[in-house]
Protein backbone atom coordinates (compact mmCIF):
# COMPACT_ATOMS: atom_id res chain seq x y z
CA MET A 1 -12.28 -44.60 -23.61
CA PRO A 2 -11.55 -44.59 -19.70
CA ASP A 3 -14.29 -42.85 -17.60
CA ALA A 4 -12.86 -39.73 -15.38
CA MET A 5 -11.60 -37.50 -18.00
CA ARG A 6 -11.61 -33.96 -18.12
CA LEU A 7 -11.88 -31.83 -21.11
CA VAL A 8 -10.25 -29.07 -21.98
CA VAL A 9 -11.95 -26.42 -24.90
CA ASP A 10 -9.70 -23.84 -26.61
CA ILE A 11 -12.02 -21.09 -28.29
CA GLY A 12 -10.72 -18.26 -30.19
CA GLY A 13 -12.43 -16.55 -33.16
CA THR A 14 -12.68 -18.30 -35.56
CA ASN A 15 -12.08 -21.93 -34.37
CA ALA A 16 -12.32 -24.02 -31.15
CA ARG A 17 -10.36 -27.32 -29.88
CA LEU A 18 -11.44 -29.06 -27.95
CA ALA A 19 -9.80 -32.15 -26.61
CA LEU A 20 -9.18 -34.95 -23.08
CA VAL A 21 -6.93 -35.23 -20.76
CA ALA A 22 -6.74 -37.99 -18.43
CA ALA A 23 -6.57 -37.49 -14.61
CA GLY A 24 -2.84 -36.08 -13.28
CA SER A 25 -1.95 -35.78 -16.90
CA LEU A 26 -0.91 -32.40 -19.27
CA GLN A 27 -1.37 -34.29 -21.84
CA PRO A 28 -4.27 -33.29 -24.30
CA GLN A 29 -5.50 -36.13 -26.27
CA HIS A 30 -8.01 -36.81 -28.71
CA GLU A 31 -8.21 -32.90 -30.17
CA LYS A 32 -10.31 -32.08 -32.96
CA THR A 33 -10.19 -28.23 -34.37
CA VAL A 34 -14.43 -26.78 -35.45
CA ARG A 35 -15.59 -23.35 -37.02
CA CYS A 36 -17.64 -21.55 -34.70
CA ALA A 37 -19.73 -20.47 -37.33
CA ASP A 38 -20.85 -24.31 -37.49
CA PHE A 39 -21.81 -25.06 -34.58
CA GLU A 40 -25.45 -22.42 -32.56
CA GLY A 41 -22.56 -22.06 -29.27
CA LEU A 42 -20.49 -23.53 -27.19
CA GLU A 43 -22.99 -26.67 -25.48
CA GLN A 44 -23.47 -28.03 -28.82
CA THR A 45 -20.29 -27.87 -30.07
CA VAL A 46 -19.38 -29.34 -26.79
CA ARG A 47 -21.99 -32.21 -26.71
CA PHE A 48 -20.49 -32.56 -30.34
CA TYR A 49 -16.70 -33.28 -29.68
CA LEU A 50 -17.96 -36.34 -26.08
CA LYS A 51 -20.47 -38.16 -28.92
CA ASP A 52 -17.37 -38.41 -30.92
CA CYS A 53 -15.16 -39.98 -28.74
CA GLY A 54 -17.79 -42.20 -26.98
CA ASN A 55 -19.38 -40.03 -24.85
CA PRO A 56 -16.57 -40.31 -21.99
CA LEU A 57 -17.91 -39.60 -18.48
CA VAL A 58 -16.87 -35.87 -18.47
CA ARG A 59 -16.62 -34.15 -14.65
CA GLU A 60 -14.34 -31.30 -14.93
CA ALA A 61 -14.04 -28.94 -18.05
CA ALA A 62 -11.73 -25.84 -18.33
CA LEU A 63 -12.03 -23.38 -21.46
CA ASP A 64 -10.66 -20.29 -22.36
CA VAL A 65 -12.48 -17.29 -24.67
CA ALA A 66 -11.24 -14.85 -26.57
CA THR A 67 -12.67 -12.05 -24.16
CA SER A 68 -12.27 -10.86 -20.91
CA ILE A 69 -14.89 -12.56 -18.23
CA THR A 70 -15.86 -10.35 -16.12
CA ALA A 71 -19.61 -11.72 -15.14
CA ASP A 72 -21.71 -15.20 -15.75
CA PHE A 73 -22.41 -14.27 -19.43
CA VAL A 74 -19.32 -14.35 -21.57
CA ARG A 75 -19.43 -12.66 -25.29
CA LEU A 76 -16.17 -13.61 -27.73
CA THR A 77 -15.34 -9.82 -28.46
CA ASN A 78 -14.96 -11.47 -32.26
CA GLY A 79 -16.55 -14.67 -32.47
CA PRO A 80 -20.54 -15.40 -32.86
CA TRP A 81 -20.41 -17.08 -29.20
CA GLY A 82 -21.92 -16.49 -25.61
CA PHE A 83 -22.76 -18.21 -23.09
CA SER A 84 -23.57 -18.44 -19.28
CA ILE A 85 -20.82 -20.34 -16.72
CA GLU A 86 -22.83 -21.59 -14.42
CA GLN A 87 -25.79 -22.95 -17.15
CA THR A 88 -23.27 -24.25 -19.52
CA ARG A 89 -21.89 -26.03 -16.16
CA SER A 90 -25.25 -27.28 -15.47
CA ALA A 91 -26.46 -27.87 -18.80
CA LEU A 92 -23.03 -31.32 -19.45
CA GLY A 93 -23.52 -32.10 -16.45
CA LEU A 94 -20.51 -30.51 -14.73
CA ASP A 95 -19.39 -30.60 -11.16
CA ARG A 96 -16.96 -27.56 -12.40
CA LEU A 97 -15.97 -25.65 -14.79
CA HIS A 98 -12.84 -23.28 -15.36
CA VAL A 99 -12.89 -20.29 -17.56
CA VAL A 100 -10.08 -18.03 -18.50
CA ASN A 101 -9.31 -15.48 -21.20
CA ASP A 102 -7.25 -17.89 -24.18
CA PHE A 103 -4.10 -15.95 -23.42
CA THR A 104 -4.30 -16.80 -19.98
CA ALA A 105 -4.07 -20.31 -21.13
CA LEU A 106 -1.50 -19.54 -23.33
CA ALA A 107 0.34 -18.19 -20.43
CA LEU A 108 0.28 -20.97 -18.53
CA ALA A 109 1.31 -23.30 -21.26
CA VAL A 110 4.62 -21.38 -20.76
CA PRO A 111 6.13 -23.43 -18.06
CA THR A 112 5.13 -27.02 -19.97
CA LEU A 113 7.21 -25.66 -23.69
CA ARG A 114 9.72 -27.64 -24.42
CA PRO A 115 12.90 -26.00 -26.54
CA ASP A 116 12.10 -27.58 -29.77
CA GLU A 117 8.61 -25.56 -29.57
CA LEU A 118 10.48 -22.79 -29.34
CA GLN A 119 12.09 -20.56 -32.18
CA GLN A 120 14.36 -17.75 -29.62
CA ILE A 121 14.69 -14.35 -32.05
CA GLY A 122 17.27 -11.58 -30.50
CA GLY A 123 17.82 -11.15 -26.57
CA GLY A 124 19.94 -12.63 -24.12
CA ALA A 125 19.18 -14.97 -21.83
CA ALA A 126 15.83 -15.50 -19.54
CA ILE A 127 15.97 -14.64 -16.01
CA ALA A 128 14.19 -17.24 -14.07
CA GLU A 129 12.49 -15.73 -10.83
CA SER A 130 11.41 -12.99 -13.62
CA PRO A 131 8.18 -12.37 -14.97
CA ILE A 132 6.94 -13.39 -18.39
CA ALA A 133 5.61 -11.68 -21.11
CA VAL A 134 2.43 -13.07 -23.75
CA ILE A 135 1.17 -11.55 -26.46
CA GLY A 136 0.05 -12.82 -30.20
CA PRO A 137 -1.84 -11.68 -32.89
CA GLY A 138 -4.42 -13.70 -34.53
CA THR A 139 -8.34 -13.59 -34.58
CA GLY A 140 -7.50 -10.69 -32.35
CA LEU A 141 -4.53 -9.40 -30.25
CA GLY A 142 -4.11 -11.34 -27.20
CA VAL A 143 -2.13 -10.55 -24.03
CA SER A 144 -1.22 -11.93 -21.12
CA GLY A 145 1.83 -12.71 -18.42
CA LEU A 146 3.00 -14.72 -15.83
CA ILE A 147 3.65 -12.95 -12.62
CA PRO A 148 6.09 -14.96 -9.75
CA VAL A 149 3.72 -15.97 -6.84
CA GLY A 150 5.76 -17.78 -3.74
CA ASN A 151 6.38 -20.77 -5.28
CA GLY A 152 4.46 -20.40 -8.07
CA ARG A 153 3.13 -18.20 -10.49
CA VAL A 154 -0.07 -16.26 -11.67
CA ALA A 155 -1.60 -15.82 -15.07
CA LEU A 156 -2.78 -12.40 -15.48
CA GLN A 157 -6.51 -11.97 -17.10
CA GLY A 158 -6.31 -8.74 -18.94
CA GLU A 159 -7.55 -6.64 -22.32
CA GLY A 160 -3.92 -5.48 -23.08
CA GLY A 161 -4.53 -5.56 -27.49
CA HIS A 162 -7.13 -2.75 -26.75
CA VAL A 163 -4.52 -0.16 -25.33
CA ALA A 164 -4.37 2.93 -27.94
CA PHE A 165 -1.43 2.50 -31.31
CA ALA A 166 0.76 4.13 -30.89
CA PRO A 167 2.60 4.95 -34.75
CA MET A 168 6.46 5.58 -34.16
CA ASN A 169 7.52 7.35 -37.58
CA ASP A 170 5.59 9.41 -40.08
CA ARG A 171 4.53 6.40 -42.35
CA GLU A 172 2.42 4.93 -39.16
CA ILE A 173 0.94 8.44 -38.41
CA ALA A 174 -0.83 8.87 -41.66
CA VAL A 175 -1.85 4.85 -40.86
CA LEU A 176 -3.19 6.04 -37.66
CA GLY A 177 -4.70 9.45 -39.34
CA CYS A 178 -6.73 6.98 -42.16
CA LEU A 179 -8.54 4.79 -38.94
CA GLN A 180 -9.19 6.86 -36.94
CA GLN A 181 -11.50 8.00 -39.97
CA ARG A 182 -13.06 4.35 -39.28
CA TYR A 183 -12.96 4.08 -35.86
CA ALA A 184 -13.44 6.40 -32.66
CA HIS A 185 -10.63 4.62 -31.02
CA VAL A 186 -7.64 2.96 -32.78
CA SER A 187 -6.70 -0.11 -30.36
CA MET A 188 -3.33 -2.15 -31.35
CA GLU A 189 -6.45 -5.12 -32.64
CA ARG A 190 -6.90 -2.48 -34.88
CA VAL A 191 -3.28 -2.96 -37.11
CA VAL A 192 -2.35 -6.40 -34.35
CA SER A 193 -4.24 -8.81 -35.66
CA GLY A 194 -6.11 -10.65 -38.91
CA MET A 195 -8.78 -7.72 -39.07
CA GLY A 196 -5.16 -5.42 -38.22
CA LEU A 197 -3.46 -6.69 -41.46
CA GLU A 198 -6.00 -6.12 -44.01
CA ASN A 199 -7.10 -2.14 -41.47
CA LEU A 200 -3.41 -1.48 -42.60
CA TYR A 201 -3.34 -2.90 -46.35
CA GLN A 202 -6.05 -1.33 -47.07
CA ALA A 203 -4.79 2.71 -45.31
CA LEU A 204 -1.59 1.82 -47.27
CA CYS A 205 -3.69 1.89 -50.73
CA GLU A 206 -5.35 4.76 -49.85
CA LEU A 207 -2.13 6.38 -48.95
CA ASP A 208 -0.80 5.34 -51.56
CA GLY A 209 -3.50 5.78 -54.22
CA VAL A 210 -3.95 2.61 -55.02
CA ARG A 211 -7.23 1.05 -55.42
CA ALA A 212 -7.64 -1.78 -52.77
CA GLN A 213 -8.57 -5.26 -53.92
CA SER A 214 -10.36 -7.70 -51.76
CA LEU A 215 -8.43 -9.56 -49.35
CA GLY A 216 -8.27 -11.06 -46.35
CA PRO A 217 -5.32 -11.43 -43.84
CA ASP A 218 -4.29 -15.49 -45.61
CA LYS A 219 -3.85 -13.15 -49.42
CA ILE A 220 -2.27 -10.25 -47.97
CA THR A 221 0.49 -12.39 -46.52
CA ALA A 222 0.89 -14.73 -49.18
CA ALA A 223 1.45 -11.80 -51.82
CA ALA A 224 3.58 -10.37 -49.04
CA LEU A 225 5.78 -13.25 -48.54
CA THR A 226 5.80 -13.03 -52.34
CA ASN A 227 6.60 -10.43 -53.00
CA THR A 228 4.24 -9.79 -55.15
CA ASP A 229 1.77 -6.59 -54.92
CA ALA A 230 4.04 -3.40 -52.83
CA GLN A 231 1.47 -3.15 -50.41
CA CYS A 232 0.73 -6.03 -48.98
CA ALA A 233 4.30 -6.12 -47.97
CA GLY A 234 4.14 -3.10 -47.40
CA ALA A 235 1.36 -3.72 -44.79
CA LEU A 236 3.09 -7.08 -43.05
CA GLU A 237 6.25 -5.30 -42.64
CA MET A 238 4.52 -2.96 -40.79
CA PHE A 239 2.46 -6.20 -38.71
CA CYS A 240 5.90 -7.14 -37.32
CA ALA A 241 7.03 -3.58 -36.39
CA ILE A 242 4.00 -2.96 -33.97
CA LEU A 243 3.95 -5.90 -32.55
CA GLY A 244 7.60 -5.15 -31.86
CA THR A 245 6.63 -2.42 -30.71
CA ALA A 246 3.95 -3.85 -28.65
CA ALA A 247 5.94 -7.36 -27.56
CA ALA A 248 8.06 -4.34 -26.16
CA ASN A 249 5.92 -2.54 -24.12
CA LEU A 250 4.33 -5.24 -22.67
CA VAL A 251 8.02 -6.43 -21.20
CA VAL A 252 8.43 -2.91 -19.51
CA THR A 253 5.23 -3.00 -18.26
CA LEU A 254 5.61 -5.86 -16.59
CA GLY A 255 9.18 -6.14 -16.13
CA ALA A 256 9.53 -9.54 -18.47
CA HIS A 257 12.92 -10.93 -18.34
CA ALA A 258 12.41 -14.46 -18.06
CA GLY A 259 10.93 -13.34 -21.62
CA CYS A 260 8.45 -12.33 -24.19
CA TYR A 261 6.78 -15.38 -26.32
CA ILE A 262 4.62 -15.07 -29.06
CA GLY A 263 1.83 -16.89 -30.02
CA GLY A 264 -1.50 -16.84 -31.82
CA GLY A 265 -2.54 -17.94 -35.47
CA ILE A 266 -0.47 -15.75 -37.96
CA VAL A 267 3.47 -15.22 -36.42
CA PRO A 268 4.24 -18.91 -36.06
CA ARG A 269 3.35 -19.55 -40.11
CA LEU A 270 6.07 -16.75 -41.87
CA GLY A 271 9.01 -18.50 -40.36
CA ASP A 272 11.98 -16.64 -41.49
CA TYR A 273 10.32 -14.12 -42.43
CA PHE A 274 9.45 -12.50 -39.24
CA VAL A 275 12.78 -13.67 -38.18
CA ARG A 276 14.36 -10.72 -40.92
CA SER A 277 10.91 -8.69 -40.22
CA PRO A 278 12.28 -5.74 -38.27
CA PHE A 279 10.24 -7.28 -35.40
CA ARG A 280 13.45 -7.18 -33.40
CA SER A 281 14.97 -3.83 -34.24
CA ARG A 282 11.85 -2.00 -33.53
CA PHE A 283 11.72 -3.86 -30.26
CA GLU A 284 14.92 -3.21 -29.28
CA THR A 285 13.83 1.27 -30.37
CA LYS A 286 13.28 1.93 -26.67
CA GLY A 287 15.09 5.27 -26.37
CA ARG A 288 16.73 5.12 -22.74
CA PHE A 289 15.42 2.35 -22.17
CA SER A 290 17.06 -0.02 -25.36
CA SER A 291 19.63 -1.20 -23.49
CA TYR A 292 17.36 -3.40 -21.25
CA VAL A 293 14.61 -4.64 -23.45
CA ALA A 294 17.52 -5.44 -25.34
CA ALA A 295 18.37 -7.90 -23.21
CA VAL A 296 14.73 -9.29 -23.29
CA PRO A 297 14.42 -12.59 -25.19
CA THR A 298 11.71 -12.90 -26.66
CA SER A 299 10.48 -16.37 -28.71
CA VAL A 300 7.85 -17.67 -30.68
CA ILE A 301 5.82 -20.20 -29.84
CA LEU A 302 5.53 -23.27 -32.40
CA ALA A 303 3.80 -25.43 -30.21
CA GLN A 304 0.55 -26.54 -32.27
CA THR A 305 -2.15 -26.13 -29.95
CA PRO A 306 -0.47 -25.17 -26.13
CA ALA A 307 -3.40 -22.99 -24.85
CA LEU A 308 -5.27 -26.95 -24.20
CA ARG A 309 -1.82 -27.97 -22.19
CA GLY A 310 -1.96 -24.39 -20.34
CA LEU A 311 -5.91 -25.08 -19.25
CA ALA A 312 -5.14 -28.55 -18.09
CA THR A 313 -2.37 -27.45 -15.10
CA LEU A 314 -5.81 -25.29 -14.03
CA PHE A 315 -6.94 -28.73 -13.01
CA HIS A 316 -3.81 -29.20 -11.06
CA GLY A 317 -4.65 -25.78 -8.95
CA ALA A 318 -2.29 -23.45 -11.73
CA ARG A 319 -4.01 -19.89 -11.52
């Protein structure tokens, strides 16, 4: 293992993905995925990983977290960890530690993606000098964008998954009514994420007078894809439709004529179902701005660990 490696860590609500990057490279090496719940915290996870790699010399690291970053102490919105940026940097003997939102890292990765790492679903050709929108459901709902500035782009750090859920038809209005009995604020993340899929399933069972089973997002998805449960099928269909609304909202907000890229842990696994789903038709349902969004390409990110590549760009001056 060569010296002077850089460490990149992608921390989601469920898993953490770690890798090393050689100086001057954007390509992650020695990738490893661990469950966050299996470790006490970030420092212990990094030490475990570096030991597994033979304890290479690492002086600089970049990590992303599925939460907002507004102070030195960071706590995951949907995960078990919290940590001080400065204390972690010092404890690991790092000269520099970059910390960004997980979808900021994904946004930084978009310009590095190859055509075979993307699946375009609808729209025309991207307008290269325009903003880029990035969105994706996983444990939560991540949102970011890349904004042209000077000769480069700046990635946004925001929490767009927590905007309010705005239903588009009577069925969704009824679902919102169910969820308002549980949550003071029904955000997009409450319906477009892993837990959101569960919420949709449970709400549809309630509305249909069917006893809800104890099903996680994986089982709901499996039943929907095999069409063996009506409420599971309805939940996944509604999930894709609402994601279309959320993506279109982001596109018109940013003026993202360079395209909308969909990542996260759920959509890339849906395959052809997502292509056939109501996602794109709902995306283009924008009233007076329907033709505006119809021209914008939407693409599913198929790359396995793109955020690690995005983190590596921080070592080269990306923002």
